[in-house]
N, C-alpha and C. Protein backbone atom coordinates (compact mmCIF):
# COMPACT_ATOMS: atom_id res chain seq x y z
N MET A 1 -18.66 -48.49 36.06
CA MET A 1 -17.78 -49.41 35.47
C MET A 1 -18.71 -50.19 34.77
N CYS A 2 -18.40 -50.25 33.34
CA CYS A 2 -19.29 -51.17 32.50
C CYS A 2 -18.85 -52.53 32.26
N GLY A 3 -19.48 -53.39 32.30
CA GLY A 3 -19.19 -54.99 31.96
C GLY A 3 -20.34 -55.58 30.84
N THR A 4 -20.02 -56.70 30.55
CA THR A 4 -21.00 -57.58 29.63
C THR A 4 -21.93 -58.29 30.63
N GLY A 5 -21.45 -58.80 31.47
CA GLY A 5 -22.60 -59.72 32.35
C GLY A 5 -22.86 -59.13 33.61
N ALA A 6 -22.22 -58.33 34.29
CA ALA A 6 -22.55 -57.78 35.53
C ALA A 6 -22.04 -56.52 35.69
N ARG A 7 -22.80 -55.73 36.70
CA ARG A 7 -22.54 -54.35 36.89
C ARG A 7 -21.88 -54.08 38.62
N THR A 8 -21.25 -53.45 38.45
CA THR A 8 -20.41 -53.03 39.87
C THR A 8 -20.75 -51.71 40.20
N ARG A 9 -21.33 -51.33 41.32
CA ARG A 9 -21.66 -50.34 41.94
C ARG A 9 -20.53 -49.67 43.23
N ILE A 10 -20.24 -48.56 43.21
CA ILE A 10 -19.39 -48.11 44.01
C ILE A 10 -19.81 -47.32 45.14
N THR A 11 -20.11 -47.73 46.50
CA THR A 11 -20.51 -46.88 47.34
C THR A 11 -19.67 -46.67 48.58
N GLY A 12 -19.24 -45.58 48.90
CA GLY A 12 -18.22 -45.26 49.88
C GLY A 12 -16.93 -45.78 49.39
N ALA A 13 -16.34 -46.69 50.51
CA ALA A 13 -15.12 -47.41 50.35
C ALA A 13 -15.30 -48.91 50.00
N ARG A 14 -16.68 -49.46 50.07
CA ARG A 14 -16.79 -50.84 49.70
C ARG A 14 -17.46 -50.97 48.49
N PRO A 15 -16.79 -51.93 47.75
CA PRO A 15 -17.31 -52.25 46.36
C PRO A 15 -18.38 -53.30 46.58
N VAL A 16 -19.35 -53.12 45.81
CA VAL A 16 -20.78 -54.21 45.90
C VAL A 16 -20.85 -54.73 44.70
N GLY A 17 -20.83 -56.26 44.73
CA GLY A 17 -21.10 -56.87 43.68
C GLY A 17 -22.69 -57.32 43.19
N THR A 18 -22.78 -58.11 42.04
CA THR A 18 -24.22 -58.27 41.98
C THR A 18 -24.82 -59.52 42.95
N GLU A 19 -26.07 -60.00 42.95
CA GLU A 19 -26.41 -61.04 43.67
C GLU A 19 -25.75 -62.39 43.55
N ASN A 20 -25.39 -62.60 42.44
CA ASN A 20 -24.64 -63.63 41.96
C ASN A 20 -23.20 -63.96 42.02
N GLU A 21 -22.62 -62.75 42.45
CA GLU A 21 -21.24 -62.45 42.14
C GLU A 21 -20.85 -61.94 43.68
N PRO A 22 -19.64 -62.51 44.02
CA PRO A 22 -19.07 -61.91 45.56
C PRO A 22 -18.60 -60.60 45.27
N PRO A 23 -18.64 -59.61 46.20
CA PRO A 23 -17.96 -58.42 46.12
C PRO A 23 -16.53 -58.41 45.40
N ARG A 24 -16.05 -57.46 44.54
CA ARG A 24 -14.62 -57.40 43.98
C ARG A 24 -14.02 -56.12 44.39
N GLU A 25 -12.77 -56.50 44.52
CA GLU A 25 -11.95 -55.17 44.76
C GLU A 25 -11.66 -54.21 43.55
N ILE A 26 -11.91 -53.08 43.66
CA ILE A 26 -11.35 -52.04 42.46
C ILE A 26 -10.00 -51.42 43.10
N ARG A 27 -9.27 -51.75 41.96
CA ARG A 27 -7.74 -51.05 42.16
C ARG A 27 -7.67 -49.88 41.16
N ILE A 28 -7.35 -48.86 41.71
CA ILE A 28 -6.90 -47.48 40.96
C ILE A 28 -5.48 -47.22 41.15
N PHE A 29 -4.74 -47.32 39.98
CA PHE A 29 -3.39 -47.00 40.11
C PHE A 29 -2.76 -47.63 41.12
N GLY A 30 -2.98 -48.84 41.44
CA GLY A 30 -2.21 -49.88 42.40
C GLY A 30 -2.61 -49.51 43.91
N THR A 31 -3.78 -49.00 44.11
CA THR A 31 -4.43 -48.54 45.45
C THR A 31 -5.70 -49.24 45.39
N ARG A 32 -5.95 -49.96 46.74
CA ARG A 32 -7.25 -50.45 46.93
C ARG A 32 -8.27 -49.42 47.24
N TRP A 33 -9.37 -49.65 46.75
CA TRP A 33 -10.52 -48.60 46.84
C TRP A 33 -10.82 -48.29 48.33
N GLY A 34 -10.34 -47.19 48.93
CA GLY A 34 -10.67 -46.94 50.32
C GLY A 34 -9.60 -47.68 51.44
N GLY A 35 -8.61 -48.04 50.76
CA GLY A 35 -7.61 -48.92 51.52
C GLY A 35 -6.33 -48.22 51.52
N ALA A 36 -5.36 -48.99 52.05
CA ALA A 36 -3.89 -48.24 51.91
C ALA A 36 -3.35 -48.71 50.63
N PRO A 37 -2.31 -47.89 49.86
CA PRO A 37 -1.72 -48.05 48.60
C PRO A 37 -0.85 -49.67 48.60
N ASP A 38 -1.00 -50.25 47.51
CA ASP A 38 -0.31 -51.73 47.47
C ASP A 38 1.19 -51.23 47.36
N PRO A 39 1.92 -52.21 47.60
CA PRO A 39 3.52 -52.20 47.49
C PRO A 39 3.50 -52.19 46.05
N VAL A 40 4.71 -51.42 45.79
CA VAL A 40 5.18 -51.27 44.26
C VAL A 40 5.83 -52.54 43.94
N THR A 41 5.49 -53.17 42.76
CA THR A 41 6.15 -54.18 42.17
C THR A 41 6.30 -54.07 40.77
N PRO A 42 7.32 -54.92 40.41
CA PRO A 42 7.64 -54.78 38.71
C PRO A 42 6.55 -54.79 37.82
N ASP A 43 5.46 -55.40 38.29
CA ASP A 43 4.25 -55.42 37.28
C ASP A 43 3.57 -54.27 37.55
N SER A 44 3.62 -53.69 38.70
CA SER A 44 2.82 -52.35 38.84
C SER A 44 3.23 -51.24 38.03
N ILE A 45 4.64 -51.23 37.74
CA ILE A 45 5.40 -50.03 37.09
C ILE A 45 5.04 -49.91 35.71
N LEU A 46 4.72 -48.81 35.25
CA LEU A 46 4.35 -48.35 33.70
C LEU A 46 5.46 -48.56 33.03
N ARG A 47 5.43 -49.28 31.92
CA ARG A 47 6.60 -49.44 30.94
C ARG A 47 6.24 -48.89 29.54
N LYS A 48 7.56 -48.40 29.03
CA LYS A 48 7.06 -47.74 27.82
C LYS A 48 6.89 -48.53 26.71
N ALA A 49 5.92 -48.03 26.12
CA ALA A 49 5.09 -48.89 24.84
C ALA A 49 6.41 -48.91 23.78
N PRO A 50 6.32 -50.16 23.21
CA PRO A 50 7.53 -50.45 22.16
C PRO A 50 7.08 -49.56 20.89
N LYS A 51 8.12 -49.19 20.32
CA LYS A 51 8.14 -48.37 19.04
C LYS A 51 7.59 -49.03 18.08
N PRO A 52 6.88 -48.59 17.20
CA PRO A 52 6.06 -49.39 15.83
C PRO A 52 7.54 -49.66 14.84
N LYS A 53 7.35 -50.81 14.36
CA LYS A 53 8.65 -51.21 13.44
C LYS A 53 8.08 -50.48 12.03
N ARG A 54 9.43 -50.19 11.44
CA ARG A 54 9.32 -49.74 10.14
C ARG A 54 9.22 -50.56 9.07
N SER A 55 8.47 -50.17 7.93
CA SER A 55 8.15 -51.05 7.13
C SER A 55 9.29 -51.26 6.02
N GLY A 56 10.19 -50.34 6.14
CA GLY A 56 11.70 -50.73 5.28
C GLY A 56 11.25 -49.94 3.95
N ARG A 57 10.16 -49.63 3.61
CA ARG A 57 10.01 -48.95 2.24
C ARG A 57 10.39 -47.53 2.46
N LYS A 58 10.87 -46.87 1.29
CA LYS A 58 11.24 -45.49 1.52
C LYS A 58 10.05 -44.62 0.97
N PRO A 59 9.95 -43.54 1.64
CA PRO A 59 8.71 -42.74 1.30
C PRO A 59 8.98 -42.35 -0.10
N SER A 60 7.85 -42.27 -0.85
CA SER A 60 7.82 -41.65 -2.18
C SER A 60 7.92 -40.07 -2.09
N PRO A 61 8.79 -39.51 -3.00
CA PRO A 61 9.13 -38.13 -2.84
C PRO A 61 7.48 -37.11 -3.38
N LEU A 62 7.51 -36.08 -2.79
CA LEU A 62 6.22 -35.25 -3.03
C LEU A 62 6.26 -34.77 -4.44
N LYS A 63 5.22 -35.01 -5.21
CA LYS A 63 5.19 -34.54 -6.65
C LYS A 63 5.05 -32.86 -6.48
N ARG A 64 6.01 -32.20 -7.13
CA ARG A 64 5.56 -30.73 -7.31
C ARG A 64 5.13 -30.35 -8.60
N THR A 65 4.36 -29.45 -8.58
CA THR A 65 3.69 -28.88 -9.61
C THR A 65 4.04 -27.39 -9.59
N ARG A 66 4.58 -26.79 -10.85
CA ARG A 66 4.94 -25.49 -10.92
C ARG A 66 3.40 -24.77 -11.33
N MET A 67 3.39 -23.69 -10.32
CA MET A 67 2.03 -22.92 -10.56
C MET A 67 2.04 -22.05 -11.90
N LYS A 68 1.13 -21.81 -12.51
CA LYS A 68 1.19 -21.06 -13.77
C LYS A 68 1.24 -19.61 -13.21
N SER A 69 2.22 -18.87 -13.74
CA SER A 69 2.42 -17.55 -13.41
C SER A 69 1.70 -16.47 -14.29
N VAL A 70 1.14 -16.97 -15.37
CA VAL A 70 0.53 -16.04 -16.21
C VAL A 70 -0.77 -16.85 -16.82
N ASN A 71 -1.91 -16.07 -16.77
CA ASN A 71 -3.02 -16.66 -17.33
C ASN A 71 -3.04 -16.21 -18.81
N ARG A 72 -2.79 -17.32 -19.71
CA ARG A 72 -2.78 -16.99 -21.23
C ARG A 72 -4.09 -16.37 -21.75
N LYS A 73 -5.13 -17.01 -21.11
CA LYS A 73 -6.23 -16.45 -21.83
C LYS A 73 -6.69 -15.12 -21.41
N ARG A 74 -6.26 -14.57 -20.15
CA ARG A 74 -6.24 -13.02 -19.99
C ARG A 74 -5.03 -12.38 -20.16
N LYS A 75 -4.08 -12.84 -20.81
CA LYS A 75 -3.03 -12.29 -20.99
C LYS A 75 -2.21 -11.79 -19.88
N GLY A 76 -2.29 -12.58 -18.85
CA GLY A 76 -1.50 -12.07 -17.46
C GLY A 76 -2.25 -11.09 -16.59
N SER A 77 -3.28 -10.56 -17.06
CA SER A 77 -4.12 -9.57 -16.35
C SER A 77 -5.50 -9.89 -15.83
N ALA A 78 -5.96 -9.66 -14.68
CA ALA A 78 -7.43 -9.59 -14.40
C ALA A 78 -8.46 -8.75 -15.15
N PHE A 79 -7.96 -7.78 -15.84
CA PHE A 79 -8.82 -6.97 -16.74
C PHE A 79 -8.19 -6.88 -18.19
N PRO A 80 -8.06 -7.90 -18.93
CA PRO A 80 -7.61 -7.77 -20.18
C PRO A 80 -8.27 -6.66 -21.15
N LYS A 81 -9.40 -6.52 -21.06
CA LYS A 81 -9.93 -5.42 -21.96
C LYS A 81 -9.63 -4.13 -21.48
N GLN A 82 -9.03 -3.90 -20.40
CA GLN A 82 -8.54 -2.43 -20.06
C GLN A 82 -6.98 -2.32 -20.52
N ARG A 83 -6.34 -3.50 -21.09
CA ARG A 83 -5.03 -3.53 -21.34
C ARG A 83 -4.71 -2.96 -22.85
N ASP A 84 -3.77 -2.26 -23.06
CA ASP A 84 -3.53 -1.58 -24.67
C ASP A 84 -2.13 -1.60 -24.43
N ALA A 85 -1.26 -2.85 -24.92
CA ALA A 85 0.20 -3.18 -24.77
C ALA A 85 0.94 -2.05 -25.81
N ALA A 86 0.06 -1.85 -27.07
CA ALA A 86 0.93 -0.96 -27.97
C ALA A 86 0.94 0.63 -27.41
N TYR A 87 -0.18 1.06 -26.56
CA TYR A 87 -0.33 2.35 -26.07
C TYR A 87 0.85 2.54 -24.88
N ARG A 88 0.73 1.46 -23.90
CA ARG A 88 1.97 1.63 -22.97
C ARG A 88 3.34 1.55 -23.46
N ARG A 89 3.59 0.82 -24.71
CA ARG A 89 4.83 0.84 -25.03
C ARG A 89 5.23 2.23 -25.75
N TRP A 90 4.34 2.77 -26.32
CA TRP A 90 4.20 4.03 -26.94
C TRP A 90 4.71 5.24 -25.79
N VAL A 91 3.83 5.00 -24.76
CA VAL A 91 4.09 5.74 -23.58
C VAL A 91 5.36 5.77 -23.12
N ARG A 92 6.07 4.43 -22.88
CA ARG A 92 7.43 4.25 -22.20
C ARG A 92 8.48 4.72 -23.16
N THR A 93 8.29 4.46 -24.43
CA THR A 93 9.31 4.80 -25.40
C THR A 93 9.51 6.02 -26.18
N THR A 94 8.29 7.06 -25.74
CA THR A 94 8.14 8.12 -26.73
C THR A 94 8.08 9.28 -25.59
N ILE A 95 7.53 9.20 -24.35
CA ILE A 95 7.31 10.33 -23.51
C ILE A 95 8.38 10.14 -22.15
N PRO A 96 9.07 11.29 -22.09
CA PRO A 96 10.15 11.13 -20.95
C PRO A 96 9.30 11.13 -19.52
N CYS A 97 10.25 10.89 -18.51
CA CYS A 97 9.64 10.79 -17.17
C CYS A 97 8.97 12.03 -17.02
N VAL A 98 7.68 12.16 -16.19
CA VAL A 98 6.89 13.33 -15.98
C VAL A 98 7.82 14.32 -14.91
N ALA A 99 8.70 13.65 -14.07
CA ALA A 99 9.37 14.40 -13.11
C ALA A 99 10.74 14.98 -13.48
N LEU A 100 11.05 14.50 -14.81
CA LEU A 100 12.37 14.69 -15.39
C LEU A 100 12.59 16.36 -15.32
N SER A 101 14.02 16.82 -14.80
CA SER A 101 14.45 18.17 -14.72
C SER A 101 13.53 18.83 -13.86
N THR A 102 12.95 18.23 -13.07
CA THR A 102 12.14 19.05 -11.85
C THR A 102 13.24 19.24 -10.68
N TRP A 103 13.24 20.45 -10.34
CA TRP A 103 14.27 20.91 -9.43
C TRP A 103 13.80 21.43 -8.18
N THR A 104 12.31 21.46 -7.83
CA THR A 104 11.75 21.82 -6.87
C THR A 104 11.47 20.72 -5.76
N LEU A 105 12.14 19.62 -5.83
CA LEU A 105 11.87 18.35 -5.00
C LEU A 105 12.12 18.97 -3.68
N SER A 106 11.42 18.64 -2.69
CA SER A 106 11.36 18.79 -1.25
C SER A 106 12.21 17.41 -0.52
N ALA A 107 12.20 16.41 -1.24
CA ALA A 107 12.77 15.30 -0.65
C ALA A 107 13.25 14.34 -1.85
N PRO A 108 14.30 13.61 -1.80
CA PRO A 108 14.40 12.68 -3.03
C PRO A 108 13.66 11.69 -3.46
N ILE A 109 13.22 11.40 -4.43
CA ILE A 109 12.52 10.31 -4.94
C ILE A 109 13.36 9.35 -5.82
N SER A 110 14.17 9.52 -6.08
CA SER A 110 15.05 8.75 -6.65
C SER A 110 16.68 8.64 -6.27
N PRO A 111 17.46 7.80 -6.37
CA PRO A 111 18.79 7.79 -5.63
C PRO A 111 19.86 8.67 -6.29
N ASN A 112 19.28 9.08 -7.55
CA ASN A 112 20.14 9.94 -8.24
C ASN A 112 19.78 11.32 -8.15
N ASP A 113 18.86 11.81 -7.40
CA ASP A 113 18.42 13.02 -7.23
C ASP A 113 19.60 13.80 -6.31
N ALA A 114 19.82 15.23 -6.77
CA ALA A 114 20.90 15.80 -6.33
C ALA A 114 20.64 17.35 -6.01
N PRO A 115 20.99 17.91 -4.92
CA PRO A 115 20.60 19.21 -4.51
C PRO A 115 21.10 20.24 -5.66
N VAL A 116 20.31 21.33 -5.78
CA VAL A 116 20.72 22.23 -6.63
C VAL A 116 20.19 23.53 -6.14
N TRP A 117 21.01 24.80 -6.50
CA TRP A 117 20.63 26.23 -6.10
C TRP A 117 20.42 27.24 -7.42
N THR A 118 19.26 27.83 -7.18
CA THR A 118 19.19 28.86 -8.02
C THR A 118 18.85 30.29 -7.73
N GLU A 119 18.75 31.50 -8.37
CA GLU A 119 18.20 32.44 -7.70
C GLU A 119 16.99 32.42 -7.03
N GLU A 120 16.12 31.59 -7.50
CA GLU A 120 14.87 31.50 -6.92
C GLU A 120 14.65 30.66 -5.61
N GLY A 121 15.99 29.96 -5.38
CA GLY A 121 16.05 29.17 -4.05
C GLY A 121 16.78 27.93 -4.53
N GLY A 122 16.67 26.86 -3.49
CA GLY A 122 17.15 25.55 -3.48
C GLY A 122 16.03 24.27 -3.44
N GLY A 123 16.65 23.14 -4.05
CA GLY A 123 15.98 22.30 -3.80
C GLY A 123 16.73 20.81 -4.26
N LEU A 124 15.85 19.79 -4.83
CA LEU A 124 16.55 18.88 -5.24
C LEU A 124 16.20 18.85 -6.64
N TYR A 125 17.22 18.33 -7.48
CA TYR A 125 16.91 18.20 -9.16
C TYR A 125 16.69 16.42 -9.35
N HIS A 126 15.74 16.40 -9.82
CA HIS A 126 15.51 14.87 -10.28
C HIS A 126 16.13 14.52 -11.39
N ARG A 127 16.81 13.27 -11.04
CA ARG A 127 17.39 12.69 -12.18
C ARG A 127 17.17 11.21 -12.36
N CYS A 128 16.54 10.77 -13.15
CA CYS A 128 15.90 9.43 -13.29
C CYS A 128 16.64 8.40 -12.90
N TRP A 129 15.88 7.28 -12.41
CA TRP A 129 16.75 5.72 -12.04
C TRP A 129 15.81 4.79 -12.62
N GLY A 130 16.42 3.88 -13.51
CA GLY A 130 15.62 2.75 -13.86
C GLY A 130 14.92 3.16 -15.24
N PRO A 131 14.56 2.07 -16.06
CA PRO A 131 13.84 2.21 -17.19
C PRO A 131 12.56 3.23 -17.08
N PRO A 132 12.02 3.74 -18.02
CA PRO A 132 10.93 4.52 -18.07
C PRO A 132 9.50 3.46 -18.05
N GLU A 133 8.63 4.00 -17.30
CA GLU A 133 7.57 2.79 -17.02
C GLU A 133 6.09 3.60 -17.16
N ALA A 134 5.20 2.88 -17.63
CA ALA A 134 3.65 3.59 -17.72
C ALA A 134 3.29 3.44 -16.44
N ALA A 135 2.97 4.67 -15.78
CA ALA A 135 2.43 4.77 -14.24
C ALA A 135 1.12 4.99 -14.19
N HIS A 136 0.11 3.88 -13.68
CA HIS A 136 -1.28 4.49 -13.65
C HIS A 136 -1.51 5.51 -12.35
N ILE A 137 -2.28 6.51 -12.77
CA ILE A 137 -2.57 7.65 -11.84
C ILE A 137 -3.94 7.51 -11.29
N GLY A 138 -4.42 7.75 -10.18
CA GLY A 138 -5.54 7.55 -9.79
C GLY A 138 -5.85 6.22 -9.38
N LYS A 139 -6.61 5.44 -9.78
CA LYS A 139 -6.96 3.97 -9.64
C LYS A 139 -5.64 3.31 -9.89
N HIS A 140 -5.74 2.33 -8.88
CA HIS A 140 -4.30 1.30 -9.49
C HIS A 140 -4.77 0.18 -10.55
N GLN A 141 -3.85 -0.20 -11.23
CA GLN A 141 -3.91 -1.34 -12.39
C GLN A 141 -4.60 -2.20 -11.85
N ALA A 142 -4.30 -2.77 -10.71
CA ALA A 142 -5.01 -4.22 -10.03
C ALA A 142 -6.49 -3.87 -9.73
N THR A 143 -7.08 -2.69 -9.65
CA THR A 143 -8.67 -2.42 -9.50
C THR A 143 -9.24 -2.14 -10.52
N GLY A 144 -8.55 -2.35 -12.01
CA GLY A 144 -9.25 -2.22 -13.06
C GLY A 144 -9.30 -0.79 -13.87
N ALA A 145 -7.96 -0.24 -13.57
CA ALA A 145 -7.67 1.12 -14.36
C ALA A 145 -7.53 0.86 -15.62
N PRO A 146 -8.17 1.79 -16.53
CA PRO A 146 -7.59 1.40 -18.01
C PRO A 146 -6.18 2.19 -18.31
N ASP A 147 -5.60 1.71 -19.39
CA ASP A 147 -4.48 2.31 -19.82
C ASP A 147 -4.43 3.66 -20.40
N ARG A 148 -5.34 3.66 -21.28
CA ARG A 148 -5.58 5.02 -22.09
C ARG A 148 -6.28 6.04 -21.14
N GLY A 149 -5.77 7.28 -21.32
CA GLY A 149 -6.12 8.24 -20.23
C GLY A 149 -5.98 8.35 -18.95
N ALA A 150 -5.05 7.19 -18.65
CA ALA A 150 -4.89 7.00 -17.08
C ALA A 150 -3.46 6.61 -16.64
N VAL A 151 -2.80 6.81 -17.71
CA VAL A 151 -1.21 6.61 -17.26
C VAL A 151 -0.10 7.65 -17.88
N VAL A 152 0.88 8.11 -16.97
CA VAL A 152 1.83 9.08 -17.47
C VAL A 152 3.38 8.23 -17.27
N THR A 153 4.08 8.75 -18.03
CA THR A 153 5.57 8.13 -18.05
C THR A 153 6.39 8.35 -16.68
N MET A 154 6.90 7.51 -16.04
CA MET A 154 7.70 7.85 -14.75
C MET A 154 8.85 6.58 -14.83
N CYS A 155 9.91 7.36 -14.48
CA CYS A 155 11.27 6.10 -14.26
C CYS A 155 10.61 5.26 -13.06
N ARG A 156 11.49 4.23 -13.12
CA ARG A 156 11.20 3.33 -12.17
C ARG A 156 11.21 3.66 -10.64
N ALA A 157 12.21 4.63 -10.28
CA ALA A 157 12.40 5.19 -9.01
C ALA A 157 10.91 5.85 -8.65
N ALA A 158 10.68 7.05 -9.96
CA ALA A 158 9.33 7.73 -9.25
C ALA A 158 8.24 6.92 -9.31
N HIS A 159 8.16 5.95 -10.27
CA HIS A 159 6.71 5.14 -9.83
C HIS A 159 6.62 4.37 -8.87
N ARG A 160 8.04 3.87 -8.28
CA ARG A 160 7.69 3.09 -7.02
C ARG A 160 7.49 4.04 -5.83
N TYR A 161 8.04 5.20 -5.79
CA TYR A 161 7.68 6.19 -4.84
C TYR A 161 6.16 6.62 -4.92
N TYR A 162 5.65 6.89 -6.15
CA TYR A 162 4.36 7.22 -6.45
C TYR A 162 3.34 6.12 -5.91
N ASP A 163 3.63 4.87 -6.24
CA ASP A 163 2.82 3.92 -5.75
C ASP A 163 2.75 3.63 -4.19
N GLU A 164 3.85 3.77 -3.42
CA GLU A 164 4.21 3.40 -2.10
C GLU A 164 3.76 4.50 -1.45
N HIS A 165 3.88 5.63 -2.07
CA HIS A 165 3.77 7.16 -1.03
C HIS A 165 2.97 8.10 -1.71
N ARG A 166 1.80 7.81 -2.09
CA ARG A 166 0.92 8.83 -2.96
C ARG A 166 0.99 10.22 -2.30
N ALA A 167 0.32 10.22 -1.12
CA ALA A 167 0.10 11.45 -0.45
C ALA A 167 1.40 12.38 -0.47
N LYS A 168 2.63 11.65 0.21
CA LYS A 168 3.68 12.35 0.21
C LYS A 168 4.41 12.50 -1.43
N PHE A 169 4.01 11.94 -2.05
CA PHE A 169 4.38 12.30 -3.66
C PHE A 169 3.93 13.68 -4.01
N TYR A 170 2.95 13.78 -3.83
CA TYR A 170 2.16 15.09 -4.23
C TYR A 170 2.77 16.32 -3.55
N ARG A 171 3.17 16.17 -2.25
CA ARG A 171 3.81 17.31 -1.57
C ARG A 171 5.23 17.38 -1.91
N VAL A 172 6.09 16.25 -2.03
CA VAL A 172 7.50 16.32 -2.56
C VAL A 172 7.64 16.99 -3.88
N THR A 173 7.04 16.51 -4.97
CA THR A 173 7.08 17.01 -6.21
C THR A 173 6.18 18.04 -6.50
N LYS A 174 5.14 18.65 -5.61
CA LYS A 174 4.16 19.52 -5.82
C LYS A 174 3.26 19.36 -7.14
N PHE A 175 3.27 18.00 -7.56
CA PHE A 175 2.21 17.59 -8.66
C PHE A 175 1.15 17.31 -8.02
N THR A 176 -0.03 18.04 -8.31
CA THR A 176 -1.26 17.71 -7.86
C THR A 176 -2.07 16.56 -8.75
N PRO A 177 -3.02 15.84 -8.15
CA PRO A 177 -3.74 14.64 -8.88
C PRO A 177 -4.38 15.23 -10.10
N GLU A 178 -4.69 16.59 -10.02
CA GLU A 178 -5.49 17.15 -11.28
C GLU A 178 -4.45 17.33 -12.32
N PHE A 179 -2.99 17.63 -12.16
CA PHE A 179 -1.92 17.81 -13.07
C PHE A 179 -1.69 16.55 -13.57
N LEU A 180 -1.66 15.59 -12.91
CA LEU A 180 -1.44 14.18 -13.48
C LEU A 180 -2.55 13.53 -14.30
N GLU A 181 -3.62 14.00 -14.04
CA GLU A 181 -4.87 13.53 -14.82
C GLU A 181 -4.69 14.28 -16.00
N ARG A 182 -4.56 15.63 -15.96
CA ARG A 182 -4.53 16.25 -17.51
C ARG A 182 -3.30 15.93 -18.19
N GLU A 183 -2.20 15.44 -17.58
CA GLU A 183 -0.92 14.99 -18.48
C GLU A 183 -1.61 13.67 -18.89
N ALA A 184 -2.25 12.83 -18.29
CA ALA A 184 -2.77 11.29 -18.67
C ALA A 184 -3.42 11.45 -20.04
N LEU A 185 -4.35 12.58 -19.74
CA LEU A 185 -5.26 12.86 -21.04
C LEU A 185 -4.71 13.46 -22.14
N ARG A 186 -3.62 14.16 -21.79
CA ARG A 186 -2.80 14.54 -23.06
C ARG A 186 -2.00 13.64 -23.74
N LEU A 187 -1.29 12.79 -22.96
CA LEU A 187 -0.83 11.54 -23.72
C LEU A 187 -1.77 10.83 -24.61
N GLN A 188 -3.08 10.75 -24.04
CA GLN A 188 -4.00 9.82 -24.98
C GLN A 188 -4.39 10.68 -26.01
N ALA A 189 -4.67 11.93 -26.04
CA ALA A 189 -5.10 12.79 -27.25
C ALA A 189 -3.74 12.82 -28.21
N LEU A 190 -2.65 12.94 -27.68
CA LEU A 190 -1.37 12.85 -28.50
C LEU A 190 -1.17 11.38 -29.28
N TYR A 191 -1.43 10.31 -28.70
CA TYR A 191 -1.22 9.08 -29.26
C TYR A 191 -2.47 8.82 -30.16
N GLU A 192 -3.68 9.28 -30.08
CA GLU A 192 -4.74 8.94 -30.87
C GLU A 192 -4.64 9.86 -32.22
N SER A 193 -4.09 10.92 -31.98
CA SER A 193 -4.02 12.02 -33.20
C SER A 193 -2.72 11.38 -34.21
N GLU A 194 -1.89 10.53 -33.48
CA GLU A 194 -0.48 10.04 -34.43
C GLU A 194 -1.23 8.60 -34.77
N HIS A 195 -2.14 7.77 -34.08
CA HIS A 195 -2.42 6.60 -34.64
C HIS A 195 -4.10 6.54 -34.82
N PRO A 196 -4.48 7.27 -35.59
CA PRO A 196 -6.16 7.21 -35.82
C PRO A 196 -6.85 5.88 -36.03
N THR A 197 -6.03 5.19 -36.57
CA THR A 197 -6.60 3.91 -36.72
C THR A 197 -6.63 2.93 -35.52
N ASN A 198 -5.88 3.23 -34.54
CA ASN A 198 -5.98 2.71 -33.16
C ASN A 198 -6.79 3.49 -32.19
N GLY A 199 -7.53 4.44 -32.40
CA GLY A 199 -8.21 5.09 -31.56
C GLY A 199 -9.41 4.35 -31.23
């Protein structure tokens, strides 16, 4: 136990003071050191601490700052040099969905797909749902995949299914990765033949 002028040592049940100071009693939670407990008195009962007084001022409201959703310097892309808005617009508006009229689906990839039966067998006939989109094949757009030579046209339903279940997409549509790569290169060559100045 530390003090400014004297030190007190505890040995056994008897407290010992300094040479110039008589022995003192040490009380721990209302109990004499080495003795019987003290009787409970109103002063020995712990009381609740008073609550701090409020200043009366109203707290200032938090300032909310809207985050920028588009980086204008990069035109909203982490890889602006890989983006070609004119080419993607041409793909969406000129080329139909790559899965359009496919009737050999083994599972639906669109809510509009319907069963069909022919002499060669049965399957699901793909009917597009949603607007046409430029779908990146192979590498994802977020990892730096370019637009030219790496996109094919898919309706929104087929695009979502392809992005979320790529391995299953190949089995369901019977489209191989090599087929999609050839289709992407074919679209690039067709576009550059029609727009030589933009090639």
